[in-house]
C-alpha atoms as a PDB file:
ATOM      1  CA  MET A   1     -99.402  49.036  38.669  1.00  0.00           C
ATOM      2  CA  ILE A   2    -100.584  52.032  38.617  1.00  0.00           C
ATOM      3  CA  ASP A   3    -103.228  53.725  40.027  1.00  0.00           C
ATOM      4  CA  VAL A   4    -106.027  56.179  38.427  1.00  0.00           C
ATOM      5  CA  VAL A   5    -108.391  58.040  39.362  1.00  0.00           C
ATOM      6  CA  VAL A   6    -110.691  59.294  36.206  1.00  0.00           C
ATOM      7  CA  ALA A   7    -113.322  62.772  37.087  1.00  0.00           C
ATOM      8  CA  ASP A   8    -115.281  63.064  34.514  1.00  0.00           C
ATOM      9  CA  ASP A   9    -118.953  64.157  33.582  1.00  0.00           C
ATOM     10  CA  HIS A  10    -119.028  62.301  30.386  1.00  0.00           C
ATOM     11  CA  GLN A  11    -120.202  58.762  31.557  1.00  0.00           C
ATOM     12  CA  LEU A  12    -119.193  57.519  27.906  1.00  0.00           C
ATOM     13  CA  PHE A  13    -115.929  58.755  28.277  1.00  0.00           C
ATOM     14  CA  VAL A  14    -115.360  57.590  31.506  1.00  0.00           C
ATOM     15  CA  ASP A  15    -116.404  54.136  30.859  1.00  0.00           C
ATOM     16  CA  GLY A  16    -114.511  54.251  27.254  1.00  0.00           C
ATOM     17  CA  VAL A  17    -111.387  54.909  29.518  1.00  0.00           C
ATOM     18  CA  THR A  18    -111.624  52.671  32.054  1.00  0.00           C
ATOM     19  CA  GLN A  19    -112.343  50.128  29.770  1.00  0.00           C
ATOM     20  CA  ALA A  20    -109.030  50.791  27.808  1.00  0.00           C
ATOM     21  CA  LEU A  21    -106.466  51.241  31.023  1.00  0.00           C
ATOM     22  CA  ASP A  22    -108.054  48.210  32.921  1.00  0.00           C
ATOM     23  CA  ALA A  23    -106.981  46.436  29.725  1.00  0.00           C
ATOM     24  CA  LEU A  24    -103.290  47.609  29.886  1.00  0.00           C
ATOM     25  CA  PRO A  25    -100.923  45.310  32.074  1.00  0.00           C
ATOM     26  CA  ASP A  26    -100.009  47.916  34.103  1.00  0.00           C
ATOM     27  CA  MET A  27    -103.064  50.376  35.127  1.00  0.00           C
ATOM     28  CA  ARG A  28    -106.224  50.096  36.993  1.00  0.00           C
ATOM     29  CA  VAL A  29    -108.850  52.421  37.457  1.00  0.00           C
ATOM     30  CA  VAL A  30    -109.562  52.934  41.017  1.00  0.00           C
ATOM     31  CA  GLY A  31    -111.729  55.669  41.063  1.00  0.00           C
ATOM     32  CA  ARG A  32    -114.545  57.176  38.577  1.00  0.00           C
ATOM     33  CA  VAL A  33    -116.744  60.602  39.559  1.00  0.00           C
ATOM     34  CA  GLY A  34    -118.633  62.707  37.833  1.00  0.00           C
ATOM     35  CA  ASP A  35    -118.219  66.189  39.794  1.00  0.00           C
ATOM     36  CA  GLY A  36    -116.116  68.699  42.025  1.00  0.00           C
ATOM     37  CA  ASP A  37    -117.557  67.562  44.934  1.00  0.00           C
ATOM     38  CA  ALA A  38    -117.950  63.522  44.859  1.00  0.00           C
ATOM     39  CA  LEU A  39    -113.655  64.044  43.635  1.00  0.00           C
ATOM     40  CA  ILE A  40    -113.134  66.011  46.490  1.00  0.00           C
ATOM     41  CA  ASP A  41    -114.849  63.223  48.817  1.00  0.00           C
ATOM     42  CA  LEU A  42    -112.822  60.468  46.884  1.00  0.00           C
ATOM     43  CA  LEU A  43    -109.562  61.982  47.185  1.00  0.00           C
ATOM     44  CA  ALA A  44    -110.079  62.317  51.466  1.00  0.00           C
ATOM     45  CA  THR A  45    -109.735  58.379  51.157  1.00  0.00           C
ATOM     46  CA  ARG A  46    -107.933  57.584  48.231  1.00  0.00           C
ATOM     47  CA  SER A  47    -104.600  58.616  46.868  1.00  0.00           C
ATOM     48  CA  PRO A  48    -104.052  57.408  43.372  1.00  0.00           C
ATOM     49  CA  ASP A  49    -100.746  57.702  41.785  1.00  0.00           C
ATOM     50  CA  VAL A  50    -102.590  59.565  38.531  1.00  0.00           C
ATOM     51  CA  LEU A  51    -105.829  61.590  38.912  1.00  0.00           C
ATOM     52  CA  LEU A  52    -107.498  62.227  35.179  1.00  0.00           C
ATOM     53  CA  LEU A  53    -109.102  65.278  35.424  1.00  0.00           C
ATOM     54  CA  ASP A  54    -111.739  67.079  33.353  1.00  0.00           C
ATOM     55  CA  ILE A  55    -112.125  70.905  33.182  1.00  0.00           C
ATOM     56  CA  ASP A  56    -115.263  71.319  33.147  1.00  0.00           C
ATOM     57  CA  MET A  57    -117.265  69.348  35.879  1.00  0.00           C
ATOM     58  CA  PRO A  58    -120.697  69.934  37.735  1.00  0.00           C
ATOM     59  CA  GLY A  59    -120.021  71.582  41.499  1.00  0.00           C
ATOM     60  CA  PRO A  60    -116.614  72.808  41.930  1.00  0.00           C
ATOM     61  CA  THR A  61    -114.800  72.437  38.247  1.00  0.00           C
ATOM     62  CA  GLY A  62    -111.599  70.165  38.166  1.00  0.00           C
ATOM     63  CA  LEU A  63    -109.321  73.097  38.337  1.00  0.00           C
ATOM     64  CA  GLU A  64    -111.104  74.384  41.090  1.00  0.00           C
ATOM     65  CA  VAL A  65    -110.090  71.244  43.104  1.00  0.00           C
ATOM     66  CA  LEU A  66    -107.228  71.029  41.981  1.00  0.00           C
ATOM     67  CA  GLU A  67    -106.305  74.496  42.738  1.00  0.00           C
ATOM     68  CA  ARG A  68    -107.718  73.195  46.299  1.00  0.00           C
ATOM     69  CA  LEU A  69    -105.701  70.496  46.988  1.00  0.00           C
ATOM     70  CA  ASP A  70    -102.327  70.719  48.709  1.00  0.00           C
ATOM     71  CA  PRO A  71    -100.564  68.675  47.525  1.00  0.00           C
ATOM     72  CA  PRO A  72    -102.804  67.535  44.332  1.00  0.00           C
ATOM     73  CA  PRO A  73    -101.669  64.210  43.313  1.00  0.00           C
ATOM     74  CA  PRO A  74    -100.130  64.066  40.032  1.00  0.00           C
ATOM     75  CA  THR A  75    -102.889  65.375  37.513  1.00  0.00           C
ATOM     76  CA  LEU A  76    -103.357  65.112  34.315  1.00  0.00           C
ATOM     77  CA  VAL A  77    -106.004  66.937  32.429  1.00  0.00           C
ATOM     78  CA  VAL A  78    -107.992  65.674  29.415  1.00  0.00           C
ATOM     79  CA  SER A  79    -110.123  67.931  27.770  1.00  0.00           C
ATOM     80  CA  MET A  80    -111.924  68.884  24.982  1.00  0.00           C
ATOM     81  CA  HIS A  81    -110.604  72.310  25.197  1.00  0.00           C
ATOM     82  CA  ALA A  82    -107.398  72.518  23.627  1.00  0.00           C
ATOM     83  CA  ALA A  83    -106.962  76.667  24.081  1.00  0.00           C
ATOM     84  CA  ASP A  84    -103.565  77.640  24.987  1.00  0.00           C
ATOM     85  CA  ASP A  85    -105.688  79.204  27.952  1.00  0.00           C
ATOM     86  CA  ASP A  86    -107.096  76.467  29.163  1.00  0.00           C
ATOM     87  CA  ARG A  87    -103.832  74.784  29.041  1.00  0.00           C
ATOM     88  CA  ARG A  88    -102.210  77.595  30.891  1.00  0.00           C
ATOM     89  CA  ALA A  89    -105.169  77.556  33.393  1.00  0.00           C
ATOM     90  CA  ALA A  90    -104.212  73.681  34.044  1.00  0.00           C
ATOM     91  CA  MET A  91    -100.933  74.063  34.698  1.00  0.00           C
ATOM     92  CA  ASP A  92    -101.084  77.290  36.862  1.00  0.00           C
ATOM     93  CA  ALA A  93    -103.736  75.015  38.936  1.00  0.00           C
ATOM     94  CA  GLY A  94    -101.020  71.881  39.198  1.00  0.00           C
ATOM     95  CA  ALA A  95    -101.873  70.280  37.094  1.00  0.00           C
ATOM     96  CA  MET A  96     -98.822  67.920  35.069  1.00  0.00           C
ATOM     97  CA  GLY A  97     -99.985  67.809  31.761  1.00  0.00           C
ATOM     98  CA  PHE A  98    -102.683  68.570  29.522  1.00  0.00           C
ATOM     99  CA  LEU A  99    -104.260  66.630  26.762  1.00  0.00           C
ATOM    100  CA  SER A 100    -107.562  66.952  23.872  1.00  0.00           C
ATOM    101  CA  LYS A 101    -110.201  64.199  24.494  1.00  0.00           C
ATOM    102  CA  GLY A 102    -109.152  63.131  21.179  1.00  0.00           C
ATOM    103  CA  VAL A 103    -105.269  61.733  21.826  1.00  0.00           C
ATOM    104  CA  PRO A 104    -104.948  58.206  20.620  1.00  0.00           C
ATOM    105  CA  LEU A 105    -105.066  55.620  23.688  1.00  0.00           C
ATOM    106  CA  SER A 106    -100.941  55.323  23.580  1.00  0.00           C
ATOM    107  CA  ASP A 107    -100.252  59.033  23.550  1.00  0.00           C
ATOM    108  CA  LEU A 108    -103.019  58.655  26.624  1.00  0.00           C
ATOM    109  CA  ALA A 109    -101.070  55.672  28.279  1.00  0.00           C
ATOM    110  CA  ALA A 110     -97.571  57.049  27.865  1.00  0.00           C
ATOM    111  CA  ALA A 111     -98.740  60.425  29.322  1.00  0.00           C
ATOM    112  CA  ILE A 112    -100.050  58.728  32.820  1.00  0.00           C
ATOM    113  CA  ARG A 113     -96.894  57.048  32.715  1.00  0.00           C
ATOM    114  CA  ALA A 114     -95.248  60.021  32.424  1.00  0.00           C
ATOM    115  CA  VAL A 115     -96.968  61.735  34.785  1.00  0.00           C
ATOM    116  CA  GLU A 116     -96.621  58.974  37.341  1.00  0.00           C
ATOM    117  CA  ALA A 117     -92.924  58.783  36.810  1.00  0.00           C
ATOM    118  CA  GLY A 118     -92.423  62.843  37.638  1.00  0.00           C
ATOM    119  CA  GLU A 119     -92.140  64.033  34.661  1.00  0.00           C
ATOM    120  CA  ALA A 120     -94.119  67.124  33.424  1.00  0.00           C
ATOM    121  CA  LEU A 121     -95.809  67.445  29.577  1.00  0.00           C
ATOM    122  CA  ASP A 122     -95.332  71.326  30.465  1.00  0.00           C
ATOM    123  CA  ASP A 123     -93.688  72.034  26.952  1.00  0.00           C
ATOM    124  CA  ALA A 124     -95.089  71.276  23.740  1.00  0.00           C
ATOM    125  CA  ALA A 125     -91.897  71.170  22.130  1.00  0.00           C
ATOM    126  CA  THR A 126     -90.560  67.927  24.060  1.00  0.00           C
ATOM    127  CA  LEU A 127     -93.961  66.688  24.749  1.00  0.00           C
ATOM    128  CA  ALA A 128     -93.286  63.599  21.807  1.00  0.00           C
ATOM    129  CA  ASP A 129     -89.757  62.979  23.282  1.00  0.00           C
ATOM    130  CA  VAL A 130     -91.511  62.228  26.518  1.00  0.00           C
ATOM    131  CA  LEU A 131     -94.551  59.970  25.278  1.00  0.00           C
ATOM    132  CA  ASP A 132     -92.110  58.103  23.464  1.00  0.00           C
ATOM    133  CA  ARG A 133     -89.930  57.206  26.587  1.00  0.00           C
ATOM    134  CA  HIS A 134     -93.058  55.772  28.208  1.00  0.00           C
ATOM    135  CA  ARG A 135     -94.888  53.979  25.283  1.00  0.00           C
ATOM    136  CA  ALA A 136     -94.017  50.158  27.095  1.00  0.00           C
ATOM    137  CA  ALA A 137     -95.817  48.807  29.442  1.00  0.00           C
ATOM    138  CA  ARG A 138     -93.915  49.014  33.109  1.00  0.00           C
ATOM    139  CA  LEU A 139     -94.340  45.648  34.753  1.00  0.00           C
ATOM    140  CA  ASP A 140     -94.097  45.366  38.175  1.00  0.00           C
ATOM    141  CA  PRO A 141     -90.980  44.407  39.503  1.00  0.00           C
ATOM    142  CA  GLY A 142     -92.021  40.762  40.391  1.00  0.00           C
ATOM    143  CA  ALA A 143     -92.964  40.112  36.771  1.00  0.00           C
ATOM    144  CA  ALA A 144     -90.117  41.441  35.395  1.00  0.00           C
ATOM    145  CA  ALA A 145     -87.772  39.436  36.983  1.00  0.00           C
ATOM    146  CA  LEU A 146     -89.296  36.425  35.170  1.00  0.00           C
ATOM    147  CA  THR A 147     -86.680  34.237  33.936  1.00  0.00           C
ATOM    148  CA  ASP A 148     -86.840  33.118  30.136  1.00  0.00           C
ATOM    149  CA  ARG A 149     -87.622  29.574  31.558  1.00  0.00           C
ATOM    150  CA  GLU A 150     -90.431  30.868  33.675  1.00  0.00           C
ATOM    151  CA  ARG A 151     -91.979  32.544  30.616  1.00  0.00           C
ATOM    152  CA  GLU A 152     -91.400  29.121  28.853  1.00  0.00           C
ATOM    153  CA  LEU A 153     -93.837  27.212  31.311  1.00  0.00           C
ATOM    154  CA  LEU A 154     -96.073  30.576  31.611  1.00  0.00           C
ATOM    155  CA  ARG A 155     -96.272  30.117  27.790  1.00  0.00           C
ATOM    156  CA  LEU A 156     -97.394  26.116  28.270  1.00  0.00           C
ATOM    157  CA  LEU A 157     -99.772  27.104  31.167  1.00  0.00           C
ATOM    158  CA  ALA A 158    -101.593  29.799  28.741  1.00  0.00           C
ATOM    159  CA  LYS A 159    -101.828  26.953  26.069  1.00  0.00           C
ATOM    160  CA  GLY A 160    -103.520  24.380  28.803  1.00  0.00           C
ATOM    161  CA  VAL A 161    -100.353  22.284  29.565  1.00  0.00           C
ATOM    162  CA  THR A 162    -100.839  22.059  33.169  1.00  0.00           C
ATOM    163  CA  ALA A 163     -99.609  18.655  33.825  1.00  0.00           C
ATOM    164  CA  THR A 164     -96.359  18.384  35.755  1.00  0.00           C
ATOM    165  CA  ASP A 165     -95.064  15.287  33.534  1.00  0.00           C
ATOM    166  CA  GLU A 166     -95.998  16.958  30.310  1.00  0.00           C
ATOM    167  CA  MET A 167     -94.505  20.516  31.301  1.00  0.00           C
ATOM    168  CA  ALA A 168     -91.533  18.577  32.109  1.00  0.00           C
ATOM    169  CA  ASP A 169     -91.524  16.627  28.891  1.00  0.00           C
ATOM    170  CA  ALA A 170     -92.164  19.832  26.800  1.00  0.00           C
ATOM    171  CA  LEU A 171     -89.084  21.439  28.485  1.00  0.00           C
ATOM    172  CA  PHE A 172     -86.442  19.127  28.972  1.00  0.00           C
ATOM    173  CA  ILE A 173     -86.604  19.214  32.544  1.00  0.00           C
ATOM    174  CA  SER A 174     -86.969  17.273  35.394  1.00  0.00           C
ATOM    175  CA  GLN A 175     -90.281  17.460  37.376  1.00  0.00           C
ATOM    176  CA  LYS A 176     -88.753  18.917  40.273  1.00  0.00           C
ATOM    177  CA  THR A 177     -87.365  21.502  38.270  1.00  0.00           C
ATOM    178  CA  VAL A 178     -90.702  22.589  37.382  1.00  0.00           C
ATOM    179  CA  LYS A 179     -92.106  22.074  40.590  1.00  0.00           C
ATOM    180  CA  ASN A 180     -89.453  24.780  41.540  1.00  0.00           C
ATOM    181  CA  HIS A 181     -90.006  27.147  38.887  1.00  0.00           C
ATOM    182  CA  LEU A 182     -93.503  27.338  39.341  1.00  0.00           C
ATOM    183  CA  ALA A 183     -92.848  28.086  42.823  1.00  0.00           C
ATOM    184  CA  ASN A 184     -90.996  31.337  42.252  1.00  0.00           C
ATOM    185  CA  ILE A 185     -93.498  32.017  39.368  1.00  0.00           C
ATOM    186  CA  TYR A 186     -96.477  32.034  41.885  1.00  0.00           C
ATOM    187  CA  ALA A 187     -93.788  34.251  44.533  1.00  0.00           C
ATOM    188  CA  LYS A 188     -92.933  36.614  41.466  1.00  0.00           C
ATOM    189  CA  LEU A 189     -96.101  37.300  40.311  1.00  0.00           C
ATOM    190  CA  GLY A 190     -98.320  37.420  43.516  1.00  0.00           C
ATOM    191  CA  VAL A 191    -100.321  33.980  43.051  1.00  0.00           C
ATOM    192  CA  SER A 192    -101.112  30.584  44.331  1.00  0.00           C
ATOM    193  CA  ASP A 193    -102.133  28.191  41.358  1.00  0.00           C
ATOM    194  CA  ARG A 194    -101.197  27.090  37.825  1.00  0.00           C
ATOM    195  CA  ALA A 195    -104.613  28.835  36.398  1.00  0.00           C
ATOM    196  CA  GLN A 196    -103.841  32.483  38.397  1.00  0.00           C
ATOM    197  CA  ALA A 197    -100.159  32.031  36.880  1.00  0.00           C
ATOM    198  CA  ALA A 198    -102.015  31.728  33.605  1.00  0.00           C
ATOM    199  CA  VAL A 199    -104.270  34.216  33.874  1.00  0.00           C
ATOM    200  CA  GLU A 200    -102.215  37.337  35.079  1.00  0.00           C
ATOM    201  CA  ALA A 201     -99.666  36.451  32.327  1.00  0.00           C
ATOM    202  CA  ILE A 202    -102.086  36.984  29.946  1.00  0.00           C
ATOM    203  CA  ARG A 203    -103.132  39.866  31.637  1.00  0.00           C
ATOM    204  CA  LEU A 204    -100.081  41.276  31.645  1.00  0.00           C
ATOM    205  CA  GLY A 205     -99.149  40.727  28.258  1.00  0.00           C
ATOM    206  CA  ILE A 206     -96.112  38.091  29.155  1.00  0.00           C
ATOM    207  CA  VAL A 207     -97.797  35.272  26.875  1.00  0.00           C
ATOM    208  CA  ALA A 208    -100.394  35.726  24.872  1.00  0.00           C
ATOM    209  CA  ARG A 209    -104.242  34.830  25.113  1.00  0.00           C
ATOM    210  CA  ASN A 210    -104.700  31.128  23.690  1.00  0.00           C
ATOM    211  CA  ARG A 211    -107.158  31.078  20.683  1.00  0.00           C
END
């Protein structure tokens, strides 16, 4: 899970980005601030995996805050300003990437994954290739280790099939085997019961939401 802090004084943008990123299976917004002083205070107690930073904010600007941090967290500047001078200033201040606020969510998410992985987005010629490498959500190791049979059980849970005997009949396995698989699922997803497993599987995109 990639922990993201959003620093921007445009509340509608912050709300929209937060909602969009929290809906992705591998990201969560853990902090939101609207001015430079609040960002400094937040970063004194929290170390995000990625900082989404606007250039212009009340108090110290985003770039002034970035220059003060030693070292700064992996930072992606997202700004309405798209001039080359702004891009160079952001990279000189310590940012790993610079995007316009007009980019699609898929590009923003890919850029966050790339920056979290240590890739700098400083070459416009290769930007598209870097983003393409990071478009897929990265599941936590436990979720990524789910077996095909465990995913089948999760699909049943998401459909509302929760009784052990019904699950065993649906998959032509014993009830004991169902319970063993469920125990493995709980451990891998960090949950403690069938309802939590179904909710987590849907959140991670492992199974589709039952309609």
